[in-house]
C-alpha atoms as a PDB file:
ATOM      1  CA  MET A   1       0.000   0.000   0.000  1.00  0.00           C
ATOM      2  CA  SER A   2       2.838   2.387   0.846  1.00  0.00           C
ATOM      3  CA  ASN A   3       4.415   1.712  -2.562  1.00  0.00           C
ATOM      4  CA  LEU A   4       1.128   2.571  -4.278  1.00  0.00           C
ATOM      5  CA  VAL A   5       0.887   5.892  -2.412  1.00  0.00           C
ATOM      6  CA  LYS A   6       4.490   6.636  -3.259  1.00  0.00           C
ATOM      7  CA  LYS A   7       3.884   5.996  -6.990  1.00  0.00           C
ATOM      8  CA  GLU A   8       0.795   8.212  -6.931  1.00  0.00           C
ATOM      9  CA  ASP A   9       2.779  11.021  -5.276  1.00  0.00           C
ATOM     10  CA  GLN A  10       5.491  10.749  -7.929  1.00  0.00           C
ATOM     11  CA  PHE A  11       2.941  10.975 -10.725  1.00  0.00           C
ATOM     12  CA  THR A  12       1.297  13.988  -9.019  1.00  0.00           C
ATOM     13  CA  GLU A  13       4.681  15.726  -8.923  1.00  0.00           C
ATOM     14  CA  VAL A  14       5.160  15.116 -12.664  1.00  0.00           C
ATOM     15  CA  VAL A  15       1.701  16.524 -13.450  1.00  0.00           C
ATOM     16  CA  MET A  16       2.273  19.575 -11.228  1.00  0.00           C
ATOM     17  CA  SER A  17       5.648  20.253 -12.837  1.00  0.00           C
ATOM     18  CA  GLN A  18       3.956  20.129 -16.255  1.00  0.00           C
ATOM     19  CA  GLU A  19       1.305  22.632 -15.168  1.00  0.00           C
ATOM     20  CA  GLN A  20       3.964  24.936 -13.755  1.00  0.00           C
ATOM     21  CA  ALA A  21       5.953  24.711 -16.977  1.00  0.00           C
ATOM     22  CA  SER A  22       2.910  25.631 -19.042  1.00  0.00           C
ATOM     23  CA  SER A  23       2.442  28.855 -17.053  1.00  0.00           C
ATOM     24  CA  ALA A  24       6.138  29.711 -17.217  1.00  0.00           C
ATOM     25  CA  LYS A  25       7.781  31.677 -19.944  1.00  0.00           C
ATOM     26  CA  ILE A  26       8.004  29.826 -23.245  1.00  0.00           C
ATOM     27  CA  TYR A  27      11.597  29.606 -24.383  1.00  0.00           C
ATOM     28  CA  ASN A  28      12.645  29.473 -28.007  1.00  0.00           C
ATOM     29  CA  LEU A  29      15.810  29.733 -30.050  1.00  0.00           C
ATOM     30  CA  ILE A  30      15.945  33.515 -29.587  1.00  0.00           C
ATOM     31  CA  THR A  31      15.711  33.501 -25.776  1.00  0.00           C
ATOM     32  CA  MET A  32      17.427  30.169 -25.068  1.00  0.00           C
ATOM     33  CA  HIS A  33      20.421  30.735 -22.787  1.00  0.00           C
ATOM     34  CA  SER A  34      23.842  29.621 -23.943  1.00  0.00           C
ATOM     35  CA  ASN A  35      26.162  27.588 -21.757  1.00  0.00           C
ATOM     36  CA  PRO A  36      29.962  27.970 -21.419  1.00  0.00           C
ATOM     37  CA  SER A  37      30.687  25.168 -23.895  1.00  0.00           C
ATOM     38  CA  GLN A  38      28.480  26.806 -26.549  1.00  0.00           C
ATOM     39  CA  ARG A  39      30.184  30.174 -26.049  1.00  0.00           C
ATOM     40  CA  ARG A  40      33.586  28.479 -26.153  1.00  0.00           C
ATOM     41  CA  PHE A  41      32.747  26.748 -29.424  1.00  0.00           C
ATOM     42  CA  ALA A  42      31.514  30.030 -30.952  1.00  0.00           C
ATOM     43  CA  PHE A  43      34.723  31.724 -29.797  1.00  0.00           C
ATOM     44  CA  ILE A  44      36.779  29.019 -31.520  1.00  0.00           C
ATOM     45  CA  ILE A  45      34.860  29.494 -34.783  1.00  0.00           C
ATOM     46  CA  GLY A  46      35.310  33.272 -34.559  1.00  0.00           C
ATOM     47  CA  ALA A  47      39.008  32.837 -33.857  1.00  0.00           C
ATOM     48  CA  ILE A  48      39.404  30.550 -36.890  1.00  0.00           C
ATOM     49  CA  VAL A  49      37.652  33.093 -39.147  1.00  0.00           C
ATOM     50  CA  ALA A  50      39.845  35.889 -37.801  1.00  0.00           C
ATOM     51  CA  LEU A  51      43.011  33.764 -38.103  1.00  0.00           C
ATOM     52  CA  ILE A  52      42.329  32.908 -41.748  1.00  0.00           C
ATOM     53  CA  SER A  53      41.811  36.594 -42.496  1.00  0.00           C
ATOM     54  CA  LEU A  54      44.987  37.616 -40.680  1.00  0.00           C
ATOM     55  CA  LEU A  55      47.095  34.922 -42.356  1.00  0.00           C
ATOM     56  CA  SER A  56      45.956  36.171 -45.755  1.00  0.00           C
ATOM     57  CA  VAL A  57      46.987  39.795 -45.090  1.00  0.00           C
ATOM     58  CA  PRO A  58      50.554  39.483 -46.510  1.00  0.00           C
ATOM     59  CA  PHE A  59      49.111  38.087 -49.745  1.00  0.00           C
ATOM     60  CA  VAL A  60      45.877  40.053 -50.112  1.00  0.00           C
ATOM     61  CA  ARG A  61      47.052  42.168 -53.071  1.00  0.00           C
ATOM     62  CA  ILE A  62      48.226  39.238 -55.177  1.00  0.00           C
ATOM     63  CA  GLN A  63      46.013  39.105 -58.260  1.00  0.00           C
ATOM     64  CA  LEU A  64      44.494  35.768 -59.207  1.00  0.00           C
ATOM     65  CA  VAL A  65      42.607  34.630 -62.270  1.00  0.00           C
ATOM     66  CA  GLU A  66      38.887  35.330 -62.472  1.00  0.00           C
ATOM     67  CA  LEU A  67      37.091  32.119 -61.557  1.00  0.00           C
ATOM     68  CA  GLN A  68      33.725  32.346 -63.287  1.00  0.00           C
ATOM     69  CA  ALA A  69      32.048  29.707 -61.115  1.00  0.00           C
ATOM     70  CA  TYR A  70      33.324  31.021 -57.767  1.00  0.00           C
ATOM     71  CA  GLN A  71      30.851  33.881 -57.322  1.00  0.00           C
ATOM     72  CA  PRO A  72      27.693  31.918 -58.221  1.00  0.00           C
ATOM     73  CA  ALA A  73      28.813  28.972 -56.076  1.00  0.00           C
ATOM     74  CA  ILE A  74      29.430  31.117 -53.002  1.00  0.00           C
ATOM     75  CA  PHE A  75      26.455  33.435 -53.332  1.00  0.00           C
ATOM     76  CA  SER A  76      23.936  30.734 -54.189  1.00  0.00           C
ATOM     77  CA  THR A  77      24.675  29.178 -50.800  1.00  0.00           C
ATOM     78  CA  VAL A  78      24.829  32.594 -49.101  1.00  0.00           C
ATOM     79  CA  ILE A  79      21.394  33.540 -50.432  1.00  0.00           C
ATOM     80  CA  CYS A  80      19.864  30.195 -49.451  1.00  0.00           C
ATOM     81  CA  PHE A  81      21.338  30.304 -45.942  1.00  0.00           C
ATOM     82  CA  GLU A  82      20.227  33.878 -45.305  1.00  0.00           C
ATOM     83  CA  LEU A  83      16.675  33.348 -46.559  1.00  0.00           C
ATOM     84  CA  ILE A  84      16.354  30.133 -44.545  1.00  0.00           C
ATOM     85  CA  THR A  85      17.677  31.995 -41.494  1.00  0.00           C
ATOM     86  CA  ALA A  86      15.060  34.704 -42.090  1.00  0.00           C
ATOM     87  CA  TYR A  87      12.354  32.033 -42.210  1.00  0.00           C
ATOM     88  CA  VAL A  88      13.595  30.359 -39.010  1.00  0.00           C
ATOM     89  CA  ILE A  89      13.730  33.709 -37.208  1.00  0.00           C
ATOM     90  CA  TYR A  90      10.219  34.529 -38.399  1.00  0.00           C
ATOM     91  CA  SER A  91       8.994  31.193 -37.036  1.00  0.00           C
ATOM     92  CA  GLN A  92      10.469  32.190 -33.672  1.00  0.00           C
ATOM     93  CA  PHE A  93       8.800  35.603 -33.979  1.00  0.00           C
ATOM     94  CA  LYS A  94       5.440  33.852 -34.296  1.00  0.00           C
ATOM     95  CA  ILE A  95       6.161  32.148 -30.974  1.00  0.00           C
ATOM     96  CA  ASN A  96       7.267  35.084 -28.811  1.00  0.00           C
ATOM     97  CA  ARG A  97       5.977  37.946 -31.038  1.00  0.00           C
ATOM     98  CA  SER A  98       8.697  40.339 -29.861  1.00  0.00           C
ATOM     99  CA  PRO A  99       9.363  43.536 -31.889  1.00  0.00           C
ATOM    100  CA  ALA A 100      13.141  42.998 -31.708  1.00  0.00           C
ATOM    101  CA  VAL A 101      12.906  39.570 -33.336  1.00  0.00           C
ATOM    102  CA  LEU A 102      11.046  41.171 -36.228  1.00  0.00           C
ATOM    103  CA  VAL A 103      14.112  43.370 -36.822  1.00  0.00           C
ATOM    104  CA  LEU A 104      16.320  40.265 -37.047  1.00  0.00           C
ATOM    105  CA  PHE A 105      13.883  38.796 -39.545  1.00  0.00           C
ATOM    106  CA  ALA A 106      14.100  41.988 -41.631  1.00  0.00           C
ATOM    107  CA  LEU A 107      17.900  41.966 -41.368  1.00  0.00           C
ATOM    108  CA  TYR A 108      18.348  38.490 -42.846  1.00  0.00           C
ATOM    109  CA  LEU A 109      15.618  39.023 -45.414  1.00  0.00           C
ATOM    110  CA  PHE A 110      17.365  42.222 -46.532  1.00  0.00           C
ATOM    111  CA  SER A 111      20.766  40.536 -46.555  1.00  0.00           C
ATOM    112  CA  GLY A 112      19.512  37.600 -48.618  1.00  0.00           C
ATOM    113  CA  GLY A 113      17.679  39.824 -51.080  1.00  0.00           C
ATOM    114  CA  MET A 114      20.593  42.216 -51.510  1.00  0.00           C
ATOM    115  CA  SER A 115      22.999  39.310 -52.013  1.00  0.00           C
ATOM    116  CA  LEU A 116      20.715  38.031 -54.771  1.00  0.00           C
ATOM    117  CA  VAL A 117      20.622  41.399 -56.532  1.00  0.00           C
ATOM    118  CA  TYR A 118      24.388  41.773 -56.065  1.00  0.00           C
ATOM    119  CA  ILE A 119      25.211  38.527 -57.845  1.00  0.00           C
ATOM    120  CA  LEU A 120      22.651  39.199 -60.600  1.00  0.00           C
ATOM    121  CA  THR A 121      24.242  42.578 -61.362  1.00  0.00           C
ATOM    122  CA  PHE A 122      27.838  41.401 -61.060  1.00  0.00           C
ATOM    123  CA  PRO A 123      29.675  41.614 -64.418  1.00  0.00           C
ATOM    124  CA  ARG A 124      30.173  38.431 -66.436  1.00  0.00           C
ATOM    125  CA  VAL A 125      28.096  36.195 -64.190  1.00  0.00           C
ATOM    126  CA  PHE A 126      24.758  36.248 -66.039  1.00  0.00           C
ATOM    127  CA  ALA A 127      25.520  39.040 -68.496  1.00  0.00           C
ATOM    128  CA  GLU A 128      28.575  40.981 -69.622  1.00  0.00           C
ATOM    129  CA  ASN A 129      27.694  44.037 -67.526  1.00  0.00           C
ATOM    130  CA  GLY A 130      25.208  42.339 -65.209  1.00  0.00           C
ATOM    131  CA  LEU A 131      21.433  42.066 -65.420  1.00  0.00           C
ATOM    132  CA  PHE A 132      18.917  44.921 -65.078  1.00  0.00           C
ATOM    133  CA  HIS A 133      21.092  47.123 -67.334  1.00  0.00           C
ATOM    134  CA  ALA A 134      23.626  47.398 -64.526  1.00  0.00           C
ATOM    135  CA  GLY A 135      26.621  49.691 -64.810  1.00  0.00           C
ATOM    136  CA  THR A 136      30.219  49.377 -63.688  1.00  0.00           C
ATOM    137  CA  GLN A 137      29.380  50.851 -60.275  1.00  0.00           C
ATOM    138  CA  THR A 138      26.126  48.997 -59.599  1.00  0.00           C
ATOM    139  CA  SER A 139      27.369  45.864 -57.824  1.00  0.00           C
ATOM    140  CA  ALA A 140      29.986  47.816 -55.874  1.00  0.00           C
ATOM    141  CA  TRP A 141      27.351  50.175 -54.480  1.00  0.00           C
ATOM    142  CA  LEU A 142      25.046  47.272 -53.692  1.00  0.00           C
ATOM    143  CA  TYR A 143      27.940  45.748 -51.733  1.00  0.00           C
ATOM    144  CA  VAL A 144      28.236  49.005 -49.772  1.00  0.00           C
ATOM    145  CA  PHE A 145      24.509  49.106 -48.973  1.00  0.00           C
ATOM    146  CA  LEU A 146      24.545  45.439 -47.958  1.00  0.00           C
ATOM    147  CA  HIS A 147      27.441  45.717 -45.527  1.00  0.00           C
ATOM    148  CA  ALA A 148      26.405  49.096 -44.152  1.00  0.00           C
ATOM    149  CA  GLY A 149      22.918  47.752 -43.497  1.00  0.00           C
ATOM    150  CA  PHE A 150      24.102  44.817 -41.402  1.00  0.00           C
ATOM    151  CA  PRO A 151      25.570  46.728 -38.412  1.00  0.00           C
ATOM    152  CA  LEU A 152      22.842  49.387 -38.610  1.00  0.00           C
ATOM    153  CA  ALA A 153      20.173  46.695 -38.361  1.00  0.00           C
ATOM    154  CA  ILE A 154      21.945  45.121 -35.367  1.00  0.00           C
ATOM    155  CA  ALA A 155      22.048  48.555 -33.708  1.00  0.00           C
ATOM    156  CA  LEU A 156      18.303  48.958 -34.340  1.00  0.00           C
ATOM    157  CA  TYR A 157      17.757  45.475 -32.932  1.00  0.00           C
ATOM    158  CA  MET A 158      19.570  46.436 -29.711  1.00  0.00           C
ATOM    159  CA  MET A 159      17.565  49.663 -29.357  1.00  0.00           C
ATOM    160  CA  ILE A 160      14.201  47.972 -29.819  1.00  0.00           C
ATOM    161  CA  GLU A 161      15.169  45.033 -27.608  1.00  0.00           C
ATOM    162  CA  SER A 162      16.105  47.454 -24.840  1.00  0.00           C
ATOM    163  CA  LYS A 163      13.034  49.665 -25.171  1.00  0.00           C
ATOM    164  CA  TYR A 164      10.385  47.045 -25.905  1.00  0.00           C
ATOM    165  CA  ALA A 165      11.784  44.028 -24.079  1.00  0.00           C
ATOM    166  CA  ASN A 166       8.446  43.226 -22.402  1.00  0.00           C
ATOM    167  CA  VAL A 167       6.229  43.889 -25.420  1.00  0.00           C
ATOM    168  CA  ASN A 168       4.554  40.915 -27.063  1.00  0.00           C
ATOM    169  CA  TYR A 169       2.159  41.486 -29.938  1.00  0.00           C
ATOM    170  CA  SER A 170      -1.097  39.631 -30.295  1.00  0.00           C
ATOM    171  CA  ALA A 171      -1.149  36.848 -32.874  1.00  0.00           C
ATOM    172  CA  GLY A 172      -3.163  38.944 -35.344  1.00  0.00           C
ATOM    173  CA  LYS A 173      -0.970  42.021 -35.003  1.00  0.00           C
ATOM    174  CA  ALA A 174       2.199  39.941 -35.267  1.00  0.00           C
ATOM    175  CA  LYS A 175       0.942  38.439 -38.532  1.00  0.00           C
ATOM    176  CA  ARG A 176       0.176  41.889 -39.972  1.00  0.00           C
ATOM    177  CA  LEU A 177       3.529  43.329 -38.892  1.00  0.00           C
ATOM    178  CA  GLY A 178       5.339  40.355 -40.385  1.00  0.00           C
ATOM    179  CA  LEU A 179       3.630  41.014 -43.719  1.00  0.00           C
ATOM    180  CA  TYR A 180       4.403  44.752 -43.526  1.00  0.00           C
ATOM    181  CA  THR A 181       8.040  43.968 -42.757  1.00  0.00           C
ATOM    182  CA  LEU A 182       8.274  41.629 -45.734  1.00  0.00           C
ATOM    183  CA  LEU A 183       6.779  44.250 -48.058  1.00  0.00           C
ATOM    184  CA  GLY A 184       8.982  46.984 -46.586  1.00  0.00           C
ATOM    185  CA  VAL A 185      12.174  45.009 -47.141  1.00  0.00           C
ATOM    186  CA  VAL A 186      11.159  44.132 -50.712  1.00  0.00           C
ATOM    187  CA  ILE A 187      10.421  47.795 -51.441  1.00  0.00           C
ATOM    188  CA  LEU A 188      13.761  48.841 -49.927  1.00  0.00           C
ATOM    189  CA  ILE A 189      15.706  46.304 -51.999  1.00  0.00           C
ATOM    190  CA  THR A 190      13.800  47.322 -55.123  1.00  0.00           C
ATOM    191  CA  GLY A 191      14.509  50.986 -54.458  1.00  0.00           C
ATOM    192  CA  LEU A 192      18.232  50.473 -53.949  1.00  0.00           C
ATOM    193  CA  THR A 193      18.392  48.317 -57.074  1.00  0.00           C
ATOM    194  CA  TYR A 194      16.570  50.997 -59.074  1.00  0.00           C
ATOM    195  CA  ILE A 195      18.921  53.729 -57.837  1.00  0.00           C
ATOM    196  CA  THR A 196      22.082  51.759 -58.625  1.00  0.00           C
ATOM    197  CA  THR A 197      20.900  50.732 -62.102  1.00  0.00           C
ATOM    198  CA  HIS A 198      18.782  53.636 -63.370  1.00  0.00           C
ATOM    199  CA  PHE A 199      21.265  56.242 -62.124  1.00  0.00           C
ATOM    200  CA  LYS A 200      24.354  54.156 -62.876  1.00  0.00           C
ATOM    201  CA  ASN A 201      26.055  57.004 -64.771  1.00  0.00           C
ATOM    202  CA  GLU A 202      25.480  59.476 -61.934  1.00  0.00           C
ATOM    203  CA  LEU A 203      26.791  57.258 -59.146  1.00  0.00           C
ATOM    204  CA  PRO A 204      30.099  58.313 -57.542  1.00  0.00           C
ATOM    205  CA  ILE A 205      32.942  56.125 -58.798  1.00  0.00           C
ATOM    206  CA  VAL A 206      33.990  53.609 -56.152  1.00  0.00           C
ATOM    207  CA  LEU A 207      35.534  51.047 -58.513  1.00  0.00           C
ATOM    208  CA  SER A 208      37.786  51.845 -61.456  1.00  0.00           C
ATOM    209  CA  GLN A 209      39.126  49.054 -63.698  1.00  0.00           C
ATOM    210  CA  GLY A 210      38.655  46.542 -60.897  1.00  0.00           C
ATOM    211  CA  LYS A 211      40.461  48.673 -58.301  1.00  0.00           C
ATOM    212  CA  LEU A 212      38.873  50.413 -55.339  1.00  0.00           C
ATOM    213  CA  THR A 213      38.979  54.200 -55.438  1.00  0.00           C
ATOM    214  CA  PRO A 214      39.903  56.413 -52.449  1.00  0.00           C
ATOM    215  CA  LEU A 215      36.192  57.179 -52.032  1.00  0.00           C
ATOM    216  CA  PHE A 216      35.487  53.523 -51.347  1.00  0.00           C
ATOM    217  CA  LEU A 217      38.610  52.986 -49.235  1.00  0.00           C
ATOM    218  CA  TYR A 218      38.385  56.006 -46.949  1.00  0.00           C
ATOM    219  CA  GLY A 219      34.894  57.397 -47.444  1.00  0.00           C
ATOM    220  CA  LEU A 220      32.876  54.182 -47.289  1.00  0.00           C
ATOM    221  CA  GLY A 221      34.924  51.088 -46.451  1.00  0.00           C
ATOM    222  CA  LEU A 222      36.758  52.321 -43.359  1.00  0.00           C
ATOM    223  CA  PRO A 223      33.619  53.880 -41.805  1.00  0.00           C
ATOM    224  CA  ILE A 224      31.739  50.596 -42.364  1.00  0.00           C
ATOM    225  CA  VAL A 225      34.543  48.631 -40.680  1.00  0.00           C
ATOM    226  CA  PHE A 226      34.596  51.071 -37.753  1.00  0.00           C
ATOM    227  CA  ILE A 227      30.791  51.036 -37.344  1.00  0.00           C
ATOM    228  CA  THR A 228      30.685  47.236 -37.534  1.00  0.00           C
ATOM    229  CA  LEU A 229      33.483  46.894 -34.965  1.00  0.00           C
ATOM    230  CA  LEU A 230      31.728  49.353 -32.654  1.00  0.00           C
ATOM    231  CA  THR A 231      28.475  47.439 -33.087  1.00  0.00           C
ATOM    232  CA  LEU A 232      30.226  44.171 -32.218  1.00  0.00           C
ATOM    233  CA  ILE A 233      31.737  45.639 -29.041  1.00  0.00           C
ATOM    234  CA  VAL A 234      28.498  47.230 -27.873  1.00  0.00           C
ATOM    235  CA  TYR A 235      26.406  44.185 -28.714  1.00  0.00           C
ATOM    236  CA  TYR A 236      28.758  41.833 -26.896  1.00  0.00           C
ATOM    237  CA  LYS A 237      28.841  44.070 -23.823  1.00  0.00           C
ATOM    238  CA  ARG A 238      25.051  44.301 -23.757  1.00  0.00           C
ATOM    239  CA  SER A 239      24.253  40.660 -24.489  1.00  0.00           C
ATOM    240  CA  LYS A 240      27.320  38.984 -22.927  1.00  0.00           C
ATOM    241  CA  ALA A 241      26.592  36.245 -25.493  1.00  0.00           C
ATOM    242  CA  SER A 242      24.095  34.999 -22.922  1.00  0.00           C
ATOM    243  CA  THR A 243      21.730  33.458 -25.478  1.00  0.00           C
ATOM    244  CA  VAL A 244      22.327  31.079 -28.357  1.00  0.00           C
ATOM    245  CA  THR A 245      21.284  33.686 -30.918  1.00  0.00           C
ATOM    246  CA  SER A 246      23.435  36.468 -29.471  1.00  0.00           C
ATOM    247  CA  THR A 247      26.431  34.136 -29.319  1.00  0.00           C
ATOM    248  CA  TRP A 248      26.304  33.313 -33.018  1.00  0.00           C
ATOM    249  CA  LEU A 249      25.318  36.842 -33.996  1.00  0.00           C
ATOM    250  CA  CYS A 250      28.613  38.031 -32.513  1.00  0.00           C
ATOM    251  CA  VAL A 251      30.449  35.652 -34.858  1.00  0.00           C
ATOM    252  CA  ALA A 252      28.336  36.854 -37.803  1.00  0.00           C
ATOM    253  CA  ILE A 253      29.118  40.507 -37.041  1.00  0.00           C
ATOM    254  CA  LEU A 254      32.823  39.670 -36.796  1.00  0.00           C
ATOM    255  CA  ALA A 255      32.736  37.873 -40.164  1.00  0.00           C
ATOM    256  CA  SER A 256      30.927  40.807 -41.784  1.00  0.00           C
ATOM    257  CA  MET A 257      33.529  43.246 -40.467  1.00  0.00           C
ATOM    258  CA  LEU A 258      36.414  41.072 -41.685  1.00  0.00           C
ATOM    259  CA  ASP A 259      34.723  40.784 -45.079  1.00  0.00           C
ATOM    260  CA  VAL A 260      34.957  44.536 -45.642  1.00  0.00           C
ATOM    261  CA  ALA A 261      38.370  44.862 -43.986  1.00  0.00           C
ATOM    262  CA  ILE A 262      39.961  42.227 -46.236  1.00  0.00           C
ATOM    263  CA  ILE A 263      38.350  43.797 -49.312  1.00  0.00           C
ATOM    264  CA  LEU A 264      39.977  47.094 -48.351  1.00  0.00           C
ATOM    265  CA  CYS A 265      43.347  45.422 -47.864  1.00  0.00           C
ATOM    266  CA  GLY A 266      43.055  43.613 -51.197  1.00  0.00           C
ATOM    267  CA  GLY A 267      42.365  46.858 -53.005  1.00  0.00           C
ATOM    268  CA  GLY A 268      40.182  45.391 -55.755  1.00  0.00           C
ATOM    269  CA  ARG A 269      38.492  42.431 -57.347  1.00  0.00           C
ATOM    270  CA  PHE A 270      39.972  38.968 -57.923  1.00  0.00           C
ATOM    271  CA  SER A 271      42.845  39.432 -55.506  1.00  0.00           C
ATOM    272  CA  VAL A 272      43.614  36.966 -52.716  1.00  0.00           C
ATOM    273  CA  GLY A 273      41.902  39.350 -50.301  1.00  0.00           C
ATOM    274  CA  TRP A 274      38.800  39.490 -52.496  1.00  0.00           C
ATOM    275  CA  TYR A 275      38.485  35.682 -52.541  1.00  0.00           C
ATOM    276  CA  VAL A 276      39.056  35.441 -48.778  1.00  0.00           C
ATOM    277  CA  ALA A 277      36.361  38.068 -48.251  1.00  0.00           C
ATOM    278  CA  ARG A 278      33.909  35.835 -50.128  1.00  0.00           C
ATOM    279  CA  TRP A 279      34.700  33.130 -47.566  1.00  0.00           C
ATOM    280  CA  ASN A 280      33.836  35.564 -44.772  1.00  0.00           C
ATOM    281  CA  SER A 281      30.545  36.333 -46.533  1.00  0.00           C
ATOM    282  CA  PHE A 282      29.814  32.610 -46.527  1.00  0.00           C
ATOM    283  CA  VAL A 283      30.550  32.329 -42.781  1.00  0.00           C
ATOM    284  CA  CYS A 284      28.505  35.439 -41.983  1.00  0.00           C
ATOM    285  CA  ALA A 285      25.521  34.006 -43.860  1.00  0.00           C
ATOM    286  CA  ASN A 286      25.422  30.487 -42.417  1.00  0.00           C
ATOM    287  CA  ILE A 287      26.820  30.718 -38.895  1.00  0.00           C
ATOM    288  CA  VAL A 288      23.608  31.862 -37.186  1.00  0.00           C
ATOM    289  CA  LEU A 289      21.533  29.316 -39.094  1.00  0.00           C
ATOM    290  CA  ALA A 290      23.952  26.516 -38.232  1.00  0.00           C
ATOM    291  CA  GLY A 291      23.813  27.432 -34.547  1.00  0.00           C
ATOM    292  CA  MET A 292      20.016  27.628 -34.572  1.00  0.00           C
ATOM    293  CA  ILE A 293      19.568  24.295 -36.342  1.00  0.00           C
ATOM    294  CA  TYR A 294      21.962  22.626 -33.908  1.00  0.00           C
ATOM    295  CA  GLU A 295      20.131  24.031 -30.889  1.00  0.00           C
ATOM    296  CA  PHE A 296      16.731  23.282 -32.409  1.00  0.00           C
ATOM    297  CA  THR A 297      17.782  19.646 -32.801  1.00  0.00           C
ATOM    298  CA  LYS A 298      18.901  19.513 -29.165  1.00  0.00           C
ATOM    299  CA  MET A 299      15.645  21.148 -28.061  1.00  0.00           C
ATOM    300  CA  TYR A 300      13.620  18.613 -30.055  1.00  0.00           C
ATOM    301  CA  LEU A 301      15.541  15.690 -28.542  1.00  0.00           C
ATOM    302  CA  SER A 302      15.013  17.051 -25.022  1.00  0.00           C
ATOM    303  CA  MET A 303      11.295  17.479 -25.640  1.00  0.00           C
ATOM    304  CA  THR A 304      11.100  13.944 -27.023  1.00  0.00           C
ATOM    305  CA  GLU A 305      12.821  12.548 -23.919  1.00  0.00           C
ATOM    306  CA  LEU A 306      10.536  14.573 -21.627  1.00  0.00           C
ATOM    307  CA  PHE A 307       7.442  13.383 -23.476  1.00  0.00           C
ATOM    308  CA  GLN A 308       8.623   9.771 -23.172  1.00  0.00           C
ATOM    309  CA  GLN A 309       9.180  10.198 -19.428  1.00  0.00           C
ATOM    310  CA  VAL A 310       5.698  11.622 -18.955  1.00  0.00           C
ATOM    311  CA  LYS A 311       4.194   8.838 -21.087  1.00  0.00           C
ATOM    312  CA  ASP A 312       6.030   6.178 -19.083  1.00  0.00           C
ATOM    313  CA  SER A 313       4.847   7.720 -15.816  1.00  0.00           C
ATOM    314  CA  LYS A 314       1.276   7.819 -17.086  1.00  0.00           C
ATOM    315  CA  ASP A 315       1.443   4.168 -18.185  1.00  0.00           C
ATOM    316  CA  LYS A 316       2.795   3.126 -14.770  1.00  0.00           C
ATOM    317  CA  TYR A 317       0.000   5.054 -13.078  1.00  0.00           C
ATOM    318  CA  LYS A 318      -2.617   3.216 -15.155  1.00  0.00           C
ATOM    319  CA  VAL A 319      -1.034  -0.140 -14.309  1.00  0.00           C
ATOM    320  CA  LEU A 320      -1.170   0.631 -10.609  1.00  0.00           C
ATOM    321  CA  HIS A 321      -4.913   1.314 -10.804  1.00  0.00           C
ATOM    322  CA  VAL A 322      -5.820  -1.795 -12.799  1.00  0.00           C
END
């Protein structure tokens, strides 16, 4: 009889813990806390990316042959990774409906869309001068807008996260805002594409015969590197890489900064630095998605184990009352 009472008490504890969990805050990939091993692994990946960039510095200005397949191969994966990341982040937005998460969704949607337009307008990939009647300055300016937008979006994300940390939209409002964000990003990408193609002859020259001009080097590139570095420092200090998303976002910001920095060191297209920078673009695009998929898999396995434990406890309870 005492064993039966004991079993019943154990099952009651399981049920009560389930009820308490249902009233607690729902965690997702955005709010899931990172542990020391996760932060250590992210630090190692960031260090490898930085080391590869630093080791290439003595050779960045060496000119290599133009590999026709390199750009499409890299950017096809970059675009896919960034759009999938945008979709995953939006799925998390539907769970917690936080305004800050919507900014992250817009960031990766913008990055994926701009990367697509960049490769379509790049010379000798799909057309001699690029599609959409692109000019010699079109893809270079799109590159500037893409890499300037990344740290600015992270800064906006930090501001909204700080100011509206406790705001959660209703399901209906979240759906409408998600649609408005999608339309807004598409309009922004379309507008920037129109400016860089329709006004291609009026654009300031940032690339001349494959070499970066002083305007790009000192007027655009260096400020972007400085802003991205400042964003990385501030974001790390604020977040402490305390969540899975913030941990991998730090690595993505670092890769984006190194992308521009190595381009500046290389001085133009098809140099060693230019090819290394494409590698950093690849890392920047997939690192957050890779971290999220890994953690999502772990979360799913934990939920499966918990469900099995509850099911086993329920089956034992039924057996005891037969």
